[in-house]
Protein backbone atom coordinates (compact mmCIF):
# COMPACT_ATOMS: atom_id res chain seq x y z
CA UNK A 1 -7.95 0.74 10.36
CA UNK A 2 -9.01 4.37 11.18
CA UNK A 3 -8.76 6.49 7.80
CA UNK A 4 -10.67 9.19 5.85
CA UNK A 5 -10.53 9.01 1.99
CA UNK A 6 -10.40 11.02 -0.73
CA UNK A 7 -12.23 9.34 -3.28
CA UNK A 8 -11.50 9.57 -7.04
CA UNK A 9 -14.16 11.33 -9.32
CA UNK A 10 -15.37 8.29 -10.72
CA UNK A 11 -15.25 4.58 -10.11
CA UNK A 12 -16.11 1.29 -11.84
CA UNK A 13 -14.66 -2.12 -12.27
CA UNK A 14 -11.46 -1.70 -14.68
CA UNK A 15 -10.04 -4.94 -16.41
CA UNK A 16 -6.18 -5.48 -17.19
CA UNK A 17 -3.70 -7.93 -18.11
CA UNK A 18 0.01 -8.44 -16.99
CA UNK A 19 2.59 -7.07 -19.43
CA UNK A 20 5.48 -7.80 -17.02
CA UNK A 21 6.84 -9.08 -13.74
CA UNK A 22 10.20 -8.70 -12.41
CA UNK A 23 12.06 -8.52 -8.91
CA UNK A 24 13.08 -5.01 -8.02
CA UNK A 25 14.88 -6.20 -5.07
CA UNK A 26 14.94 -9.47 -2.73
CA UNK A 27 11.97 -8.46 -1.00
CA UNK A 28 9.91 -7.03 -4.11
CA UNK A 29 8.43 -8.30 -7.09
CA UNK A 30 6.76 -5.55 -9.49
CA UNK A 31 3.89 -6.57 -11.69
CA UNK A 32 3.31 -4.23 -14.52
CA UNK A 33 -0.27 -4.04 -15.85
CA UNK A 34 -1.65 -2.94 -19.06
CA UNK A 35 -5.26 -2.35 -20.80
CA UNK A 36 -7.34 0.48 -22.18
CA UNK A 37 -9.55 0.29 -19.35
CA UNK A 38 -6.52 1.64 -17.10
CA UNK A 39 -7.31 5.09 -18.93
CA UNK A 40 -10.12 5.58 -16.50
CA UNK A 41 -7.71 5.76 -13.34
CA UNK A 42 -6.71 9.37 -12.96
CA UNK A 43 -3.26 9.60 -11.21
CA UNK A 44 -4.02 11.10 -7.56
CA UNK A 45 -0.43 10.67 -6.20
CA UNK A 46 0.20 10.01 -2.42
CA UNK A 47 -1.01 6.38 -1.40
CA UNK A 48 -3.15 6.09 -4.29
CA UNK A 49 -4.86 2.49 -3.84
CA UNK A 50 -7.08 -0.01 -5.75
CA UNK A 51 -8.92 -2.91 -4.87
CA UNK A 52 -7.23 -5.76 -6.88
CA UNK A 53 -9.11 -8.88 -7.89
CA UNK A 54 -7.34 -12.11 -9.06
CA UNK A 55 -9.59 -14.52 -10.96
CA UNK A 56 -11.11 -17.83 -9.81
CA UNK A 57 -11.53 -19.32 -12.90
CA UNK A 58 -12.81 -18.51 -16.31
CA UNK A 59 -15.15 -15.21 -16.54
CA UNK A 60 -15.16 -14.66 -12.70
CA UNK A 61 -14.13 -11.15 -13.09
CA UNK A 62 -16.74 -10.30 -15.11
CA UNK A 63 -19.25 -10.97 -12.25
CA UNK A 64 -17.70 -8.39 -9.92
CA UNK A 65 -19.53 -5.19 -9.19
CA UNK A 66 -18.12 -1.86 -10.07
CA UNK A 67 -17.92 -0.63 -6.57
CA UNK A 68 -17.00 -1.97 -2.97
CA UNK A 69 -19.65 -0.38 -0.83
CA UNK A 70 -21.53 -2.20 1.63
CA UNK A 71 -24.28 -3.87 -0.62
CA UNK A 72 -21.91 -4.37 -3.59
CA UNK A 73 -19.63 -5.98 -1.15
CA UNK A 74 -22.29 -8.00 0.46
CA UNK A 75 -22.81 -9.26 -3.24
CA UNK A 76 -19.05 -9.94 -3.99
CA UNK A 77 -19.17 -12.16 -0.66
CA UNK A 78 -22.18 -14.13 -1.77
CA UNK A 79 -20.59 -15.29 -4.84
CA UNK A 80 -19.67 -19.18 -4.44
CA UNK A 81 -16.31 -19.30 -2.60
CA UNK A 82 -14.98 -21.59 -5.53
CA UNK A 83 -15.91 -18.90 -8.01
CA UNK A 84 -15.17 -15.56 -6.05
CA UNK A 85 -12.32 -13.83 -7.05
CA UNK A 86 -9.40 -13.07 -4.48
CA UNK A 87 -9.79 -9.40 -3.38
CA UNK A 88 -6.76 -7.45 -2.12
CA UNK A 89 -5.82 -4.10 -1.36
CA UNK A 90 -2.53 -2.61 -3.05
CA UNK A 91 -1.19 0.67 -3.63
CA UNK A 92 -0.06 1.71 -7.03
CA UNK A 93 3.51 2.32 -7.23
CA UNK A 94 3.24 4.10 -10.70
CA UNK A 95 0.79 5.08 -13.18
CA UNK A 96 1.44 5.89 -16.73
CA UNK A 97 -0.90 7.42 -19.47
CA UNK A 98 0.61 8.23 -22.61
CA UNK A 99 0.17 7.73 -26.55
CA UNK A 100 1.19 3.69 -26.71
CA UNK A 101 -1.58 3.32 -23.83
CA UNK A 102 -1.63 2.84 -20.07
CA UNK A 103 0.31 0.91 -17.59
CA UNK A 104 0.25 0.47 -13.93
CA UNK A 105 2.69 -0.79 -11.79
CA UNK A 106 2.24 -2.63 -8.53
CA UNK A 107 4.74 -3.74 -5.96
CA UNK A 108 4.47 -6.81 -3.77
CA UNK A 109 6.39 -7.11 -0.69
CA UNK A 110 7.43 -10.59 -0.58
CA UNK A 111 6.95 -12.07 2.87
CA UNK A 112 7.98 -15.22 4.04
CA UNK A 113 5.25 -17.46 4.82
CA UNK A 114 4.67 -19.16 8.40
CA UNK A 115 6.46 -22.55 8.75
CA UNK A 116 4.30 -24.97 6.88
CA UNK A 117 2.14 -22.67 5.20
CA UNK A 118 2.21 -21.53 1.48
CA UNK A 119 2.45 -17.86 0.63
CA UNK A 120 -0.89 -15.98 0.57
CA UNK A 121 -2.79 -15.93 -2.61
CA UNK A 122 -1.53 -12.69 -3.94
CA UNK A 123 1.93 -13.21 -3.18
CA UNK A 124 1.94 -16.46 -4.95
CA UNK A 125 0.39 -15.17 -7.82
CA UNK A 126 2.87 -12.21 -8.29
CA UNK A 127 5.67 -14.69 -8.02
CA UNK A 128 4.22 -16.83 -10.88
CA UNK A 129 2.23 -14.48 -12.90
CA UNK A 130 2.69 -14.65 -16.82
CA UNK A 131 2.23 -12.00 -19.49
CA UNK A 132 -1.41 -11.85 -20.42
CA UNK A 133 -2.85 -13.03 -17.07
CA UNK A 134 -6.03 -11.19 -16.52
CA UNK A 135 -6.89 -9.16 -13.12
CA UNK A 136 -9.54 -6.41 -12.21
CA UNK A 137 -9.13 -3.32 -10.34
CA UNK A 138 -11.33 -0.60 -8.45
CA UNK A 139 -9.97 2.80 -8.00
CA UNK A 140 -10.21 3.98 -4.20
CA UNK A 141 -8.26 7.06 -3.98
CA UNK A 142 -6.13 7.95 -1.13
CA UNK A 143 -6.02 7.79 2.62
CA UNK A 144 -3.21 10.60 3.18
CA UNK A 145 -5.50 13.49 4.60
CA UNK A 146 -3.22 16.27 6.35
CA UNK A 147 -5.03 19.01 7.94
CA UNK A 148 -4.73 22.68 6.45
CA UNK A 149 -2.68 23.97 9.29
CA UNK A 150 -0.12 21.27 8.88
CA UNK A 151 3.72 22.19 10.04
CA UNK A 152 5.50 18.99 9.69
CA UNK A 153 5.10 15.17 8.60
CA UNK A 154 5.76 11.91 9.88
CA UNK A 155 5.54 8.97 7.76
CA UNK A 156 6.03 5.25 9.16
CA UNK A 157 5.57 2.18 7.61
CA UNK A 158 7.08 -1.30 6.97
CA UNK A 159 7.92 -2.73 3.55
CA UNK A 160 4.14 -3.17 2.71
CA UNK A 161 4.11 0.71 3.05
CA UNK A 162 7.04 1.43 0.72
CA UNK A 163 4.88 2.13 -2.33
CA UNK A 164 2.65 4.41 -0.26
CA UNK A 165 5.39 6.41 1.82
CA UNK A 166 7.18 6.72 -1.96
CA UNK A 167 4.03 8.25 -3.52
CA UNK A 168 3.58 10.44 -0.36
CA UNK A 169 7.14 11.63 -0.73
CA UNK A 170 6.93 12.39 -4.32
CA UNK A 171 3.31 14.38 -3.81
CA UNK A 172 4.79 16.42 -1.03
CA UNK A 173 5.45 20.32 -1.63
CA UNK A 174 9.00 21.20 -1.99
CA UNK A 175 9.10 23.22 1.21
CA UNK A 176 7.64 20.34 3.09
CA UNK A 177 9.59 19.26 6.35
CA UNK A 178 9.36 16.10 8.46
CA UNK A 179 10.56 12.43 8.83
CA UNK A 180 10.22 9.30 7.10
CA UNK A 181 10.86 5.89 8.82
CA UNK A 182 10.63 2.89 6.36
CA UNK A 183 11.73 -0.42 7.59
CA UNK A 184 12.49 -3.06 4.80
CA UNK A 185 13.49 -6.74 5.06
CA UNK A 186 17.12 -5.99 4.20
CA UNK A 187 19.44 -3.51 3.21
CA UNK A 188 19.11 -4.67 -0.37
CA UNK A 189 15.75 -3.33 -0.45
CA UNK A 190 16.70 0.18 0.30
CA UNK A 191 16.02 2.41 -2.89
CA UNK A 192 16.42 5.79 -3.60
CA UNK A 193 13.12 7.65 -3.43
CA UNK A 194 13.09 11.25 -4.20
CA UNK A 195 11.52 13.66 -1.34
CA UNK A 196 11.58 17.18 -0.35
CA UNK A 197 14.93 18.48 0.95
CA UNK A 198 13.55 19.05 4.43
CA UNK A 199 12.06 15.49 4.70
CA UNK A 200 14.60 13.17 6.62
CA UNK A 201 14.32 9.69 5.23
CA UNK A 202 15.63 7.13 7.55
CA UNK A 203 15.79 3.52 6.13
CA UNK A 204 15.75 1.01 9.06
CA UNK A 205 16.64 -2.57 7.20
CA UNK A 206 16.41 -5.64 9.43
CA UNK A 207 19.24 -8.10 10.10
CA UNK A 208 17.41 -10.57 11.95
CA UNK A 209 15.53 -12.97 9.69
CA UNK A 210 13.19 -13.90 12.57
CA UNK A 211 12.59 -10.28 13.80
CA UNK A 212 8.73 -9.22 13.31
CA UNK A 213 8.31 -6.87 10.61
CA UNK A 214 7.50 -3.46 11.73
CA UNK A 215 9.13 -3.71 15.42
CA UNK A 216 12.05 -1.69 14.26
CA UNK A 217 9.91 0.98 12.88
CA UNK A 218 7.56 1.23 15.96
CA UNK A 219 10.97 1.55 18.11
CA UNK A 220 12.01 4.27 15.97
CA UNK A 221 8.75 6.00 16.56
CA UNK A 222 8.70 5.73 20.23
CA UNK A 223 12.41 7.32 20.29
CA UNK A 224 11.41 10.37 18.27
CA UNK A 225 11.37 13.66 20.25
CA UNK A 226 7.74 14.73 21.20
CA UNK A 227 5.90 15.77 17.73
CA UNK A 228 4.93 19.21 17.02
CA UNK A 229 1.16 19.91 17.50
CA UNK A 230 0.88 20.80 14.08
CA UNK A 231 2.33 17.43 12.98
CA UNK A 232 0.31 15.23 10.75
CA UNK A 233 1.41 11.48 10.94
CA UNK A 234 0.55 8.72 8.31
CA UNK A 235 1.43 5.14 9.45
CA UNK A 236 0.81 2.03 7.74
CA UNK A 237 1.92 -1.43 7.71
CA UNK A 238 1.91 -4.27 10.10
CA UNK A 239 -1.11 -4.26 12.27
CA UNK A 240 0.74 -3.86 15.69
CA UNK A 241 3.03 -1.00 14.10
CA UNK A 242 0.17 0.77 13.04
CA UNK A 243 -2.05 0.57 16.23
CA UNK A 244 1.39 0.84 18.44
CA UNK A 245 2.47 4.12 16.48
CA UNK A 246 -0.86 5.81 16.92
CA UNK A 247 -1.00 4.88 20.51
CA UNK A 248 2.52 6.15 21.14
CA UNK A 249 1.90 9.41 19.30
CA UNK A 250 -1.63 9.84 21.09
CA UNK A 251 0.26 9.49 24.48
CA UNK A 252 2.91 11.92 23.43
CA UNK A 253 0.34 14.29 22.77
CA UNK A 254 -0.61 14.39 19.05
CA UNK A 255 -4.47 14.96 18.54
CA UNK A 256 -6.16 11.65 17.22
CA UNK A 257 -7.59 13.24 14.18
CA UNK A 258 -3.92 14.35 12.91
CA UNK A 259 -2.92 10.52 12.58
CA UNK A 260 -3.68 8.35 9.76
CA UNK A 261 -3.33 4.66 10.44
CA UNK A 262 -3.80 1.51 8.28
CA UNK A 263 -3.06 -2.06 9.34
CA UNK A 264 -2.39 -3.69 6.14
CA UNK A 265 -1.65 -7.25 7.40
CA UNK A 266 -1.09 -9.00 10.55
CA UNK A 267 2.11 -11.03 10.98
CA UNK A 268 1.65 -15.02 11.49
CA UNK A 269 -1.08 -15.01 8.72
CA UNK A 270 -0.38 -15.74 5.21
CA UNK A 271 -3.44 -13.86 4.18
CA UNK A 272 -1.79 -11.79 1.20
């Protein structure tokens, strides 16, 4: 991962509870969270993400630090494994503040676990969580950081990056130009995303159930024409997609400091 982050104005541990869980499409489960603490999270748009904690027994979420710097992360890791909450990073799919309270949506991409393995703890939780189940979050801001002279955008991701790319597209100025390449598990996962008229959104649904996620998107990047020198690229998803796309773009002449790339996960490991 190579990212520069725009941090939120304030950080702290935020407690919430599950309000609802439903399938958005075959490859996505949406969990809706609610709670008074969520009012502390101010919408930042783009790829706004949070540290997401799942409890490991009664009261375990109350032992968490209020941030995840080096020292606080060390304190988190020092908790007994059996009592240490599960930590994962997720993009906010939607955040709503209103008179009726605050709600935050997280879309979980449902991956098939490798043969003989159980789904990762976060996916397993998302598939089975119930109303009232507790979680905790720490707001971490955004990684999307285009330079001031940006002339066009290239957004690339697999299904795990769909919430981030959706948020970026929604946040771009109306006159933005560029291309978004979004690979998903099947044609049924394609959805309508608001985007500037000048940004071409190309959906890349997989047709081979055994294909490695991210490979289609990487091939699509490699087939693009040489990027404009003032392009800004944001790439996220499976690790090989993120690193492979960055390597190709650098070799094609795009400066390294105009590329944000984030490996969210690694194929073959049921870590999420």
